[in-house]
PDB file of N, CA and C in Angstrom:
ATOM      1  N   MET A   1      20.553  17.707  13.716  1.00  0.00           N
ATOM      2  CA  MET A   1      21.138  16.659  14.459  1.00  0.00           C
ATOM      3  C   MET A   1      20.744  15.283  13.537  1.00  0.00           C
ATOM      4  N   LYS A   2      21.902  14.445  13.673  1.00  0.00           N
ATOM      5  CA  LYS A   2      21.834  13.429  13.122  1.00  0.00           C
ATOM      6  C   LYS A   2      21.620  12.295  14.144  1.00  0.00           C
ATOM      7  N   TYR A   3      20.594  11.268  13.615  1.00  0.00           N
ATOM      8  CA  TYR A   3      20.358  10.187  14.561  1.00  0.00           C
ATOM      9  C   TYR A   3      20.330   9.011  13.434  1.00  0.00           C
ATOM     10  N   ILE A   4      20.556   7.814  14.121  1.00  0.00           N
ATOM     11  CA  ILE A   4      20.859   6.302  13.378  1.00  0.00           C
ATOM     12  C   ILE A   4      19.416   5.823  13.609  1.00  0.00           C
ATOM     13  N   ILE A   5      18.838   4.723  12.855  1.00  0.00           N
ATOM     14  CA  ILE A   5      17.831   3.899  13.160  1.00  0.00           C
ATOM     15  C   ILE A   5      17.951   2.735  13.808  1.00  0.00           C
ATOM     16  N   MET A   6      17.382   2.478  15.189  1.00  0.00           N
ATOM     17  CA  MET A   6      17.744   1.234  15.725  1.00  0.00           C
ATOM     18  C   MET A   6      17.129   0.610  15.532  1.00  0.00           C
ATOM     19  N   LYS A   7      15.802   0.675  15.376  1.00  0.00           N
ATOM     20  CA  LYS A   7      14.510  -0.297  15.075  1.00  0.00           C
ATOM     21  C   LYS A   7      13.795   0.074  13.865  1.00  0.00           C
ATOM     22  N   PRO A   8      13.148  -0.705  13.041  1.00  0.00           N
ATOM     23  CA  PRO A   8      12.687  -0.306  11.674  1.00  0.00           C
ATOM     24  C   PRO A   8      11.140   0.171  12.388  1.00  0.00           C
ATOM     25  N   HIS A   9      10.397   1.117  11.451  1.00  0.00           N
ATOM     26  CA  HIS A   9       9.300   1.415  11.582  1.00  0.00           C
ATOM     27  C   HIS A   9       8.592   1.194  10.300  1.00  0.00           C
ATOM     28  N   LYS A  10       7.133   1.215  10.229  1.00  0.00           N
ATOM     29  CA  LYS A  10       6.573   0.921   9.293  1.00  0.00           C
ATOM     30  C   LYS A  10       5.114   1.363   9.672  1.00  0.00           C
ATOM     31  N   SER A  11       4.454   2.486   8.765  1.00  0.00           N
ATOM     32  CA  SER A  11       3.323   2.993   9.425  1.00  0.00           C
ATOM     33  C   SER A  11       2.097   2.344   9.234  1.00  0.00           C
ATOM     34  N   ASN A  12       1.238   2.408  10.347  1.00  0.00           N
ATOM     35  CA  ASN A  12      -0.069   1.724  10.086  1.00  0.00           C
ATOM     36  C   ASN A  12      -1.104   2.442   9.548  1.00  0.00           C
ATOM     37  N   TYR A  13      -0.916   4.094   9.224  1.00  0.00           N
ATOM     38  CA  TYR A  13      -1.627   5.068   8.595  1.00  0.00           C
ATOM     39  C   TYR A  13      -1.201   5.246   7.398  1.00  0.00           C
ATOM     40  N   PRO A  14      -1.557   4.527   6.240  1.00  0.00           N
ATOM     41  CA  PRO A  14      -1.176   4.955   4.820  1.00  0.00           C
ATOM     42  C   PRO A  14      -1.822   5.910   4.258  1.00  0.00           C
ATOM     43  N   ASP A  15      -2.987   6.822   4.970  1.00  0.00           N
ATOM     44  CA  ASP A  15      -3.655   7.932   4.273  1.00  0.00           C
ATOM     45  C   ASP A  15      -3.585   8.963   5.464  1.00  0.00           C
ATOM     46  N   PRO A  16      -2.253   9.502   5.962  1.00  0.00           N
ATOM     47  CA  PRO A  16      -2.382  10.316   7.226  1.00  0.00           C
ATOM     48  C   PRO A  16      -3.014  11.878   6.790  1.00  0.00           C
ATOM     49  N   ILE A  17      -3.754  12.250   8.133  1.00  0.00           N
ATOM     50  CA  ILE A  17      -4.720  13.228   7.838  1.00  0.00           C
ATOM     51  C   ILE A  17      -3.312  14.663   8.147  1.00  0.00           C
ATOM     52  N   THR A  18      -3.937  15.733   7.069  1.00  0.00           N
ATOM     53  CA  THR A  18      -3.120  16.871   6.901  1.00  0.00           C
ATOM     54  C   THR A  18      -3.921  17.894   6.967  1.00  0.00           C
ATOM     55  N   LEU A  19      -3.661  19.068   7.473  1.00  0.00           N
ATOM     56  CA  LEU A  19      -4.167  20.032   8.354  1.00  0.00           C
ATOM     57  C   LEU A  19      -3.360  21.743   8.109  1.00  0.00           C
ATOM     58  N   SER A  20      -4.514  22.086   7.888  1.00  0.00           N
ATOM     59  CA  SER A  20      -3.707  23.638   7.527  1.00  0.00           C
ATOM     60  C   SER A  20      -4.059  24.803   8.670  1.00  0.00           C
ATOM     61  N   LYS A  21      -3.111  25.605   9.080  1.00  0.00           N
ATOM     62  CA  LYS A  21      -3.516  26.236  10.085  1.00  0.00           C
ATOM     63  C   LYS A  21      -4.709  27.100   9.795  1.00  0.00           C
ATOM     64  N   GLY A  22      -5.706  27.407  10.965  1.00  0.00           N
ATOM     65  CA  GLY A  22      -6.834  27.567  10.830  1.00  0.00           C
ATOM     66  C   GLY A  22      -8.118  26.810  10.365  1.00  0.00           C
ATOM     67  N   GLU A  23      -7.600  25.765  10.182  1.00  0.00           N
ATOM     68  CA  GLU A  23      -8.713  24.606   9.790  1.00  0.00           C
ATOM     69  C   GLU A  23      -9.550  24.117  11.366  1.00  0.00           C
ATOM     70  N   LYS A  24     -10.883  23.778  11.147  1.00  0.00           N
ATOM     71  CA  LYS A  24     -11.450  23.362  12.139  1.00  0.00           C
ATOM     72  C   LYS A  24     -11.358  21.835  12.247  1.00  0.00           C
ATOM     73  N   VAL A  25     -11.753  21.311  13.424  1.00  0.00           N
ATOM     74  CA  VAL A  25     -11.472  19.986  13.222  1.00  0.00           C
ATOM     75  C   VAL A  25     -12.521  19.548  14.632  1.00  0.00           C
ATOM     76  N   ARG A  26     -12.991  18.497  14.354  1.00  0.00           N
ATOM     77  CA  ARG A  26     -13.435  17.626  15.582  1.00  0.00           C
ATOM     78  C   ARG A  26     -12.696  17.004  16.434  1.00  0.00           C
ATOM     79  N   THR A  27     -12.378  16.823  17.910  1.00  0.00           N
ATOM     80  CA  THR A  27     -11.595  16.422  18.468  1.00  0.00           C
ATOM     81  C   THR A  27     -12.542  15.383  19.105  1.00  0.00           C
ATOM     82  N   GLY A  28     -11.709  14.216  19.266  1.00  0.00           N
ATOM     83  CA  GLY A  28     -12.029  12.632  20.060  1.00  0.00           C
ATOM     84  C   GLY A  28     -11.252  12.143  21.031  1.00  0.00           C
ATOM     85  N   ARG A  29     -11.040  11.232  21.202  1.00  0.00           N
ATOM     86  CA  ARG A  29     -10.331  10.107  22.413  1.00  0.00           C
ATOM     87  C   ARG A  29      -8.844  11.264  22.210  1.00  0.00           C
ATOM     88  N   ILE A  30      -8.315  10.617  23.720  1.00  0.00           N
ATOM     89  CA  ILE A  30      -6.730  10.990  23.614  1.00  0.00           C
ATOM     90  C   ILE A  30      -6.165  10.184  24.016  1.00  0.00           C
ATOM     91  N   TYR A  31      -5.229   9.927  23.521  1.00  0.00           N
ATOM     92  CA  TYR A  31      -4.070   8.700  23.420  1.00  0.00           C
ATOM     93  C   TYR A  31      -3.861   8.160  24.521  1.00  0.00           C
ATOM     94  N   GLU A  32      -3.904   6.991  24.774  1.00  0.00           N
ATOM     95  CA  GLU A  32      -3.193   6.383  25.951  1.00  0.00           C
ATOM     96  C   GLU A  32      -2.856   5.207  25.822  1.00  0.00           C
ATOM     97  N   GLY A  33      -1.760   4.725  26.065  1.00  0.00           N
ATOM     98  CA  GLY A  33      -1.084   3.231  25.657  1.00  0.00           C
ATOM     99  C   GLY A  33       0.361   3.452  26.409  1.00  0.00           C
ATOM    100  N   PRO A  34       0.720   2.324  26.325  1.00  0.00           N
ATOM    101  CA  PRO A  34       1.979   1.974  27.217  1.00  0.00           C
ATOM    102  C   PRO A  34       3.194   2.692  26.702  1.00  0.00           C
ATOM    103  N   GLU A  35       3.094   3.177  25.516  1.00  0.00           N
ATOM    104  CA  GLU A  35       4.448   3.896  25.035  1.00  0.00           C
ATOM    105  C   GLU A  35       4.978   5.052  26.013  1.00  0.00           C
ATOM    106  N   GLY A  36       3.783   5.730  26.417  1.00  0.00           N
ATOM    107  CA  GLY A  36       4.193   6.800  27.045  1.00  0.00           C
ATOM    108  C   GLY A  36       3.699   8.230  26.223  1.00  0.00           C
ATOM    109  N   TRP A  37       3.160   8.052  24.909  1.00  0.00           N
ATOM    110  CA  TRP A  37       3.332   9.179  24.150  1.00  0.00           C
ATOM    111  C   TRP A  37       2.142  10.074  24.664  1.00  0.00           C
ATOM    112  N   GLU A  38       2.194  11.059  25.305  1.00  0.00           N
ATOM    113  CA  GLU A  38       1.237  12.336  25.722  1.00  0.00           C
ATOM    114  C   GLU A  38       0.767  13.165  24.682  1.00  0.00           C
ATOM    115  N   ASN A  39      -0.374  13.921  24.986  1.00  0.00           N
ATOM    116  CA  ASN A  39      -0.706  14.776  24.356  1.00  0.00           C
ATOM    117  C   ASN A  39      -1.275  15.079  22.767  1.00  0.00           C
ATOM    118  N   TRP A  40      -1.810  13.718  22.723  1.00  0.00           N
ATOM    119  CA  TRP A  40      -1.729  13.328  21.153  1.00  0.00           C
ATOM    120  C   TRP A  40      -3.494  12.945  21.106  1.00  0.00           C
ATOM    121  N   ILE A  41      -4.392  13.945  20.256  1.00  0.00           N
ATOM    122  CA  ILE A  41      -5.778  13.643  20.177  1.00  0.00           C
ATOM    123  C   ILE A  41      -6.117  13.392  18.937  1.00  0.00           C
ATOM    124  N   TYR A  42      -7.147  12.112  19.195  1.00  0.00           N
ATOM    125  CA  TYR A  42      -7.787  11.868  17.261  1.00  0.00           C
ATOM    126  C   TYR A  42      -8.639  12.789  16.851  1.00  0.00           C
ATOM    127  N   CYS A  43      -8.587  13.358  15.948  1.00  0.00           N
ATOM    128  CA  CYS A  43      -9.445  14.433  15.296  1.00  0.00           C
ATOM    129  C   CYS A  43     -10.054  13.880  13.957  1.00  0.00           C
ATOM    130  N   THR A  44     -10.981  14.668  13.519  1.00  0.00           N
ATOM    131  CA  THR A  44     -11.753  14.344  12.350  1.00  0.00           C
ATOM    132  C   THR A  44     -11.694  15.750  11.613  1.00  0.00           C
ATOM    133  N   THR A  45     -11.403  15.539  10.414  1.00  0.00           N
ATOM    134  CA  THR A  45     -11.803  17.149   9.665  1.00  0.00           C
ATOM    135  C   THR A  45     -13.302  17.168   9.617  1.00  0.00           C
ATOM    136  N   VAL A  46     -13.887  18.384   9.839  1.00  0.00           N
ATOM    137  CA  VAL A  46     -15.237  18.937   9.673  1.00  0.00           C
ATOM    138  C   VAL A  46     -16.248  18.148   8.283  1.00  0.00           C
ATOM    139  N   ASN A  47     -15.185  18.212   7.496  1.00  0.00           N
ATOM    140  CA  ASN A  47     -16.054  17.479   6.192  1.00  0.00           C
ATOM    141  C   ASN A  47     -16.022  15.872   6.349  1.00  0.00           C
ATOM    142  N   GLY A  48     -15.262  15.530   7.398  1.00  0.00           N
ATOM    143  CA  GLY A  48     -15.512  13.753   7.463  1.00  0.00           C
ATOM    144  C   GLY A  48     -14.227  12.918   6.991  1.00  0.00           C
ATOM    145  N   GLU A  49     -13.844  13.774   5.850  1.00  0.00           N
ATOM    146  CA  GLU A  49     -13.005  12.856   4.760  1.00  0.00           C
ATOM    147  C   GLU A  49     -11.456  12.415   5.188  1.00  0.00           C
ATOM    148  N   SER A  50     -11.021  13.057   6.302  1.00  0.00           N
ATOM    149  CA  SER A  50      -9.577  13.059   7.050  1.00  0.00           C
ATOM    150  C   SER A  50      -9.811  12.578   8.464  1.00  0.00           C
ATOM    151  N   GLU A  51      -9.096  11.490   9.021  1.00  0.00           N
ATOM    152  CA  GLU A  51      -8.752  11.333  10.531  1.00  0.00           C
ATOM    153  C   GLU A  51      -7.710  11.022  10.919  1.00  0.00           C
ATOM    154  N   GLY A  52      -7.339  11.254  11.935  1.00  0.00           N
ATOM    155  CA  GLY A  52      -6.054  10.694  12.850  1.00  0.00           C
ATOM    156  C   GLY A  52      -5.380  11.406  13.975  1.00  0.00           C
ATOM    157  N   TRP A  53      -4.062  11.043  14.260  1.00  0.00           N
ATOM    158  CA  TRP A  53      -3.865  11.847  15.618  1.00  0.00           C
ATOM    159  C   TRP A  53      -2.796  12.954  15.474  1.00  0.00           C
ATOM    160  N   VAL A  54      -3.325  14.171  16.301  1.00  0.00           N
ATOM    161  CA  VAL A  54      -2.987  15.482  15.854  1.00  0.00           C
ATOM    162  C   VAL A  54      -2.433  15.922  17.581  1.00  0.00           C
ATOM    163  N   PRO A  55      -1.053  16.185  17.768  1.00  0.00           N
ATOM    164  CA  PRO A  55      -0.705  17.083  18.740  1.00  0.00           C
ATOM    165  C   PRO A  55      -1.561  18.020  19.536  1.00  0.00           C
ATOM    166  N   ALA A  56      -1.968  17.622  20.583  1.00  0.00           N
ATOM    167  CA  ALA A  56      -2.895  19.037  21.298  1.00  0.00           C
ATOM    168  C   ALA A  56      -1.962  19.981  21.445  1.00  0.00           C
ATOM    169  N   GLN A  57      -1.139  20.153  21.133  1.00  0.00           N
ATOM    170  CA  GLN A  57      -0.334  21.842  21.306  1.00  0.00           C
ATOM    171  C   GLN A  57      -0.778  22.675  20.113  1.00  0.00           C
ATOM    172  N   ILE A  58      -1.054  21.857  18.981  1.00  0.00           N
ATOM    173  CA  ILE A  58      -1.416  22.763  18.144  1.00  0.00           C
ATOM    174  C   ILE A  58      -2.973  22.883  17.970  1.00  0.00           C
ATOM    175  N   ILE A  59      -3.923  22.548  19.224  1.00  0.00           N
ATOM    176  CA  ILE A  59      -5.327  22.547  18.680  1.00  0.00           C
ATOM    177  C   ILE A  59      -5.750  23.551  19.931  1.00  0.00           C
ATOM    178  N   ASN A  60      -6.444  24.745  19.546  1.00  0.00           N
ATOM    179  CA  ASN A  60      -7.046  25.577  20.290  1.00  0.00           C
ATOM    180  C   ASN A  60      -8.380  25.768  19.950  1.00  0.00           C
ATOM    181  N   ASP A  61      -9.357  25.447  20.575  1.00  0.00           N
ATOM    182  CA  ASP A  61     -10.772  25.531  20.559  1.00  0.00           C
ATOM    183  C   ASP A  61     -11.273  25.033  19.422  1.00  0.00           C
ATOM    184  N   HIS A  62     -10.680  23.772  19.015  1.00  0.00           N
ATOM    185  CA  HIS A  62     -10.994  22.893  17.602  1.00  0.00           C
ATOM    186  C   HIS A  62     -10.452  23.880  16.401  1.00  0.00           C
ATOM    187  N   VAL A  63      -9.579  24.549  16.545  1.00  0.00           N
ATOM    188  CA  VAL A  63      -8.972  25.040  15.396  1.00  0.00           C
ATOM    189  C   VAL A  63      -7.331  24.983  15.520  1.00  0.00           C
ATOM    190  N   ILE A  64      -6.891  24.572  14.196  1.00  0.00           N
ATOM    191  CA  ILE A  64      -5.271  24.156  14.100  1.00  0.00           C
ATOM    192  C   ILE A  64      -4.487  25.279  14.228  1.00  0.00           C
ATOM    193  N   THR A  65      -3.704  25.509  14.763  1.00  0.00           N
ATOM    194  CA  THR A  65      -2.427  26.770  15.025  1.00  0.00           C
ATOM    195  C   THR A  65      -1.740  26.844  14.115  1.00  0.00           C
ATOM    196  N   GLU A  66      -1.225  25.556  13.434  1.00  0.00           N
ATOM    197  CA  GLU A  66      -0.183  25.592  12.704  1.00  0.00           C
ATOM    198  C   GLU A  66      -0.302  24.518  11.706  1.00  0.00           C
ATOM    199  N   ASP A  67       0.304  24.401  10.475  1.00  0.00           N
ATOM    200  CA  ASP A  67       0.237  23.148   9.339  1.00  0.00           C
ATOM    201  C   ASP A  67       0.678  22.136  10.059  1.00  0.00           C
ATOM    202  N   TYR A  68      -0.131  20.919   9.804  1.00  0.00           N
ATOM    203  CA  TYR A  68       0.746  19.546  10.345  1.00  0.00           C
ATOM    204  C   TYR A  68       0.087  18.515   9.331  1.00  0.00           C
ATOM    205  N   CYS A  69       0.890  17.676   9.334  1.00  0.00           N
ATOM    206  CA  CYS A  69       0.730  16.128   8.322  1.00  0.00           C
ATOM    207  C   CYS A  69       1.235  15.071   9.670  1.00  0.00           C
ATOM    208  N   ALA A  70       0.456  14.348   9.387  1.00  0.00           N
ATOM    209  CA  ALA A  70       0.626  13.246  10.408  1.00  0.00           C
ATOM    210  C   ALA A  70       1.314  11.780   9.465  1.00  0.00           C
ATOM    211  N   LYS A  71       1.831  12.222   8.541  1.00  0.00           N
ATOM    212  CA  LYS A  71       2.740  10.996   7.539  1.00  0.00           C
ATOM    213  C   LYS A  71       3.865  10.623   8.700  1.00  0.00           C
ATOM    214  N   GLU A  72       3.709   9.418   8.577  1.00  0.00           N
ATOM    215  CA  GLU A  72       4.588   8.426   9.308  1.00  0.00           C
ATOM    216  C   GLU A  72       5.676   8.133   8.293  1.00  0.00           C
ATOM    217  N   LEU A  73       6.722   7.922   8.728  1.00  0.00           N
ATOM    218  CA  LEU A  73       7.883   7.304   8.007  1.00  0.00           C
ATOM    219  C   LEU A  73       8.214   5.859   7.642  1.00  0.00           C
ATOM    220  N   ASN A  74       8.249   5.299   6.708  1.00  0.00           N
ATOM    221  CA  ASN A  74       8.510   3.686   6.959  1.00  0.00           C
ATOM    222  C   ASN A  74      10.057   3.859   6.694  1.00  0.00           C
ATOM    223  N   ILE A  75      11.026   3.572   7.435  1.00  0.00           N
ATOM    224  CA  ILE A  75      12.356   3.368   7.536  1.00  0.00           C
ATOM    225  C   ILE A  75      13.008   1.958   8.040  1.00  0.00           C
ATOM    226  N   ASP A  76      14.151   1.831   7.393  1.00  0.00           N
ATOM    227  CA  ASP A  76      14.497   0.414   8.162  1.00  0.00           C
ATOM    228  C   ASP A  76      15.676   1.092   9.195  1.00  0.00           C
ATOM    229  N   ALA A  77      16.068  -0.504   9.961  1.00  0.00           N
ATOM    230  CA  ALA A  77      17.349   0.064  10.904  1.00  0.00           C
ATOM    231  C   ALA A  77      18.720  -0.099  10.100  1.00  0.00           C
ATOM    232  N   GLY A  78      19.335   1.251  10.735  1.00  0.00           N
ATOM    233  CA  GLY A  78      20.786   1.546  10.196  1.00  0.00           C
ATOM    234  C   GLY A  78      20.715   2.507   9.260  1.00  0.00           C
ATOM    235  N   GLU A  79      19.199   3.090   8.651  1.00  0.00           N
ATOM    236  CA  GLU A  79      19.058   4.592   7.885  1.00  0.00           C
ATOM    237  C   GLU A  79      19.801   5.835   9.030  1.00  0.00           C
ATOM    238  N   GLN A  80      20.186   6.329   8.414  1.00  0.00           N
ATOM    239  CA  GLN A  80      20.219   7.817   9.018  1.00  0.00           C
ATOM    240  C   GLN A  80      19.359   8.959   8.845  1.00  0.00           C
ATOM    241  N   VAL A  81      19.208   9.908   9.779  1.00  0.00           N
ATOM    242  CA  VAL A  81      17.946  10.851   9.746  1.00  0.00           C
ATOM    243  C   VAL A  81      18.312  11.753  10.467  1.00  0.00           C
ATOM    244  N   GLU A  82      18.002  13.306   9.904  1.00  0.00           N
ATOM    245  CA  GLU A  82      18.080  14.222  10.280  1.00  0.00           C
ATOM    246  C   GLU A  82      17.070  14.816  11.045  1.00  0.00           C
ATOM    247  N   VAL A  83      16.800  14.956  12.388  1.00  0.00           N
ATOM    248  CA  VAL A  83      15.542  15.421  13.038  1.00  0.00           C
ATOM    249  C   VAL A  83      15.349  16.878  12.894  1.00  0.00           C
ATOM    250  N   VAL A  84      14.358  17.304  12.515  1.00  0.00           N
ATOM    251  CA  VAL A  84      13.733  18.275  12.269  1.00  0.00           C
ATOM    252  C   VAL A  84      12.833  18.876  13.213  1.00  0.00           C
ATOM    253  N   LYS A  85      12.329  17.936  14.039  1.00  0.00           N
ATOM    254  CA  LYS A  85      11.162  18.669  15.285  1.00  0.00           C
ATOM    255  C   LYS A  85      10.931  17.447  16.085  1.00  0.00           C
ATOM    256  N   GLU A  86      11.115  17.484  17.354  1.00  0.00           N
ATOM    257  CA  GLU A  86      10.419  16.735  18.232  1.00  0.00           C
ATOM    258  C   GLU A  86       9.473  17.127  19.077  1.00  0.00           C
ATOM    259  N   LEU A  87       8.639  15.758  19.190  1.00  0.00           N
ATOM    260  CA  LEU A  87       6.949  16.478  20.106  1.00  0.00           C
ATOM    261  C   LEU A  87       6.357  15.044  20.058  1.00  0.00           C
ATOM    262  N   ASN A  88       6.164  15.191  21.780  1.00  0.00           N
ATOM    263  CA  ASN A  88       5.304  14.317  22.325  1.00  0.00           C
ATOM    264  C   ASN A  88       5.770  12.442  22.176  1.00  0.00           C
ATOM    265  N   GLY A  89       6.839  12.381  22.362  1.00  0.00           N
ATOM    266  CA  GLY A  89       7.722  11.098  22.088  1.00  0.00           C
ATOM    267  C   GLY A  89       7.803  10.832  20.816  1.00  0.00           C
ATOM    268  N   TRP A  90       7.996  11.553  19.729  1.00  0.00           N
ATOM    269  CA  TRP A  90       7.625  11.409  18.236  1.00  0.00           C
ATOM    270  C   TRP A  90       8.713  12.606  17.759  1.00  0.00           C
ATOM    271  N   LEU A  91       9.535  12.024  16.651  1.00  0.00           N
ATOM    272  CA  LEU A  91      10.562  12.819  15.821  1.00  0.00           C
ATOM    273  C   LEU A  91      10.055  13.227  14.299  1.00  0.00           C
ATOM    274  N   TRP A  92       9.860  14.332  14.041  1.00  0.00           N
ATOM    275  CA  TRP A  92       9.733  14.869  12.545  1.00  0.00           C
ATOM    276  C   TRP A  92      11.439  14.447  12.098  1.00  0.00           C
ATOM    277  N   VAL A  93      11.639  13.656  11.026  1.00  0.00           N
ATOM    278  CA  VAL A  93      12.923  13.575  10.742  1.00  0.00           C
ATOM    279  C   VAL A  93      12.753  13.264   9.179  1.00  0.00           C
ATOM    280  N   LYS A  94      13.900  13.575   8.627  1.00  0.00           N
ATOM    281  CA  LYS A  94      14.257  13.671   7.070  1.00  0.00           C
ATOM    282  C   LYS A  94      15.672  12.411   6.776  1.00  0.00           C
ATOM    283  N   ASN A  95      14.950  11.695   6.175  1.00  0.00           N
ATOM    284  CA  ASN A  95      16.154  10.484   5.623  1.00  0.00           C
ATOM    285  C   ASN A  95      17.239  10.911   5.092  1.00  0.00           C
ATOM    286  N   VAL A  96      18.187  10.922   5.326  1.00  0.00           N
ATOM    287  CA  VAL A  96      19.495  11.362   4.904  1.00  0.00           C
ATOM    288  C   VAL A  96      19.946  10.582   3.437  1.00  0.00           C
ATOM    289  N   ARG A  97      19.346   9.816   3.165  1.00  0.00           N
ATOM    290  CA  ARG A  97      19.706   8.917   1.755  1.00  0.00           C
ATOM    291  C   ARG A  97      18.738   9.321   1.017  1.00  0.00           C
ATOM    292  N   THR A  98      17.417   9.165   1.181  1.00  0.00           N
ATOM    293  CA  THR A  98      16.585   9.297   0.069  1.00  0.00           C
ATOM    294  C   THR A  98      15.532  11.090   0.161  1.00  0.00           C
ATOM    295  N   GLY A  99      15.999  11.473   1.379  1.00  0.00           N
ATOM    296  CA  GLY A  99      15.491  13.069   1.378  1.00  0.00           C
ATOM    297  C   GLY A  99      13.770  13.238   1.893  1.00  0.00           C
ATOM    298  N   GLU A 100      12.965  11.622   2.077  1.00  0.00           N
ATOM    299  CA  GLU A 100      11.613  11.986   2.409  1.00  0.00           C
ATOM    300  C   GLU A 100      11.879  11.982   3.706  1.00  0.00           C
ATOM    301  N   GLU A 101      10.398  12.815   4.469  1.00  0.00           N
ATOM    302  CA  GLU A 101      10.158  12.911   5.544  1.00  0.00           C
ATOM    303  C   GLU A 101       9.083  12.555   6.465  1.00  0.00           C
ATOM    304  N   GLY A 102       9.089  12.526   7.501  1.00  0.00           N
ATOM    305  CA  GLY A 102       7.886  11.887   8.156  1.00  0.00           C
ATOM    306  C   GLY A 102       8.133  11.775   9.609  1.00  0.00           C
ATOM    307  N   TRP A 103       7.276  11.584  10.187  1.00  0.00           N
ATOM    308  CA  TRP A 103       7.185  11.148  11.740  1.00  0.00           C
ATOM    309  C   TRP A 103       7.623   9.601  12.152  1.00  0.00           C
ATOM    310  N   ILE A 104       8.369   9.505  12.849  1.00  0.00           N
ATOM    311  CA  ILE A 104       8.878   8.008  13.624  1.00  0.00           C
ATOM    312  C   ILE A 104       8.914   8.118  15.251  1.00  0.00           C
ATOM    313  N   PRO A 105       9.000   7.040  16.021  1.00  0.00           N
ATOM    314  CA  PRO A 105       8.636   7.091  17.121  1.00  0.00           C
ATOM    315  C   PRO A 105       9.748   7.346  17.764  1.00  0.00           C
ATOM    316  N   ARG A 106      10.292   8.430  18.980  1.00  0.00           N
ATOM    317  CA  ARG A 106      11.614   8.311  19.158  1.00  0.00           C
ATOM    318  C   ARG A 106      12.208   7.243  19.988  1.00  0.00           C
ATOM    319  N   GLU A 107      11.555   6.217  20.375  1.00  0.00           N
ATOM    320  CA  GLU A 107      12.273   5.338  20.723  1.00  0.00           C
ATOM    321  C   GLU A 107      13.222   4.339  19.653  1.00  0.00           C
ATOM    322  N   ALA A 108      12.927   4.586  18.387  1.00  0.00           N
ATOM    323  CA  ALA A 108      13.170   3.939  17.231  1.00  0.00           C
ATOM    324  C   ALA A 108      14.803   4.782  16.852  1.00  0.00           C
ATOM    325  N   ALA A 109      15.159   5.787  17.390  1.00  0.00           N
ATOM    326  CA  ALA A 109      16.534   6.192  16.713  1.00  0.00           C
ATOM    327  C   ALA A 109      17.195   6.415  17.858  1.00  0.00           C
ATOM    328  N   LYS A 110      18.501   6.944  17.610  1.00  0.00           N
ATOM    329  CA  LYS A 110      19.722   7.070  18.666  1.00  0.00           C
ATOM    330  C   LYS A 110      20.666   7.885  17.876  1.00  0.00           C
ATOM    331  N   LEU A 111      20.628   9.102  19.143  1.00  0.00           N
ATOM    332  CA  LEU A 111      21.680  10.185  18.296  1.00  0.00           C
ATOM    333  C   LEU A 111      23.286   9.748  18.367  1.00  0.00           C
ATOM    334  N   ILE A 112      23.592  10.198  17.065  1.00  0.00           N
ATOM    335  CA  ILE A 112      25.202   9.631  16.484  1.00  0.00           C
ATOM    336  C   ILE A 112      26.094  10.573  17.302  1.00  0.00           C
ATOM    337  N   GLN A 113      26.753   9.909  18.167  1.00  0.00           N
ATOM    338  CA  GLN A 113      27.825  10.696  18.700  1.00  0.00           C
ATOM    339  C   GLN A 113      28.599  11.418  18.031  1.00  0.00           C
ATOM    340  N   GLY A 114      28.636  12.792  18.897  1.00  0.00           N
ATOM    341  CA  GLY A 114      29.625  13.908  18.253  1.00  0.00           C
ATOM    342  C   GLY A 114      28.664  14.528  17.136  1.00  0.00           C
ATOM    343  N   ASP A 115      27.276  14.591  17.502  1.00  0.00           N
ATOM    344  CA  ASP A 115      26.446  15.281  16.194  1.00  0.00           C
ATOM    345  C   ASP A 115      25.117  15.877  17.139  1.00  0.00           C
ATOM    346  N   GLU A 116      26.052  16.181  18.682  1.00  0.00           N
ATOM    347  CA  GLU A 116      24.835  17.135  19.590  1.00  0.00           C
ATOM    348  C   GLU A 116      24.557  18.421  19.097  1.00  0.00           C
ATOM    349  N   THR A 117      24.787  19.263  17.833  1.00  0.00           N
ATOM    350  CA  THR A 117      24.623  20.347  17.587  1.00  0.00           C
ATOM    351  C   THR A 117      23.179  20.541  17.170  1.00  0.00           C
TER     352      THR A 117
END
């Protein structure tokens, strides 16, 4: 499905956490905020070298159940993206123009009419 970006998004996390299936993590606080983004847990790699928000659905007893990257996509209003995955109020998208991929907040994008497939 293609979406158009209605509101620009800039990442606050230049060094996102990247995890592999089977990797162990230390879990911390659960995200609470006005946006209503549920099921995000702040995690740190066991070696302490990387940290960031991870969806609760891919954590089982401190073990990651699928490959995951927390990279957020910097994107401007008017750009078009293809949605690869939707999770906990965020979309993993591919920028149609550049091919770059990353997470954006769901509320930043709007489905292009006629592209509901």
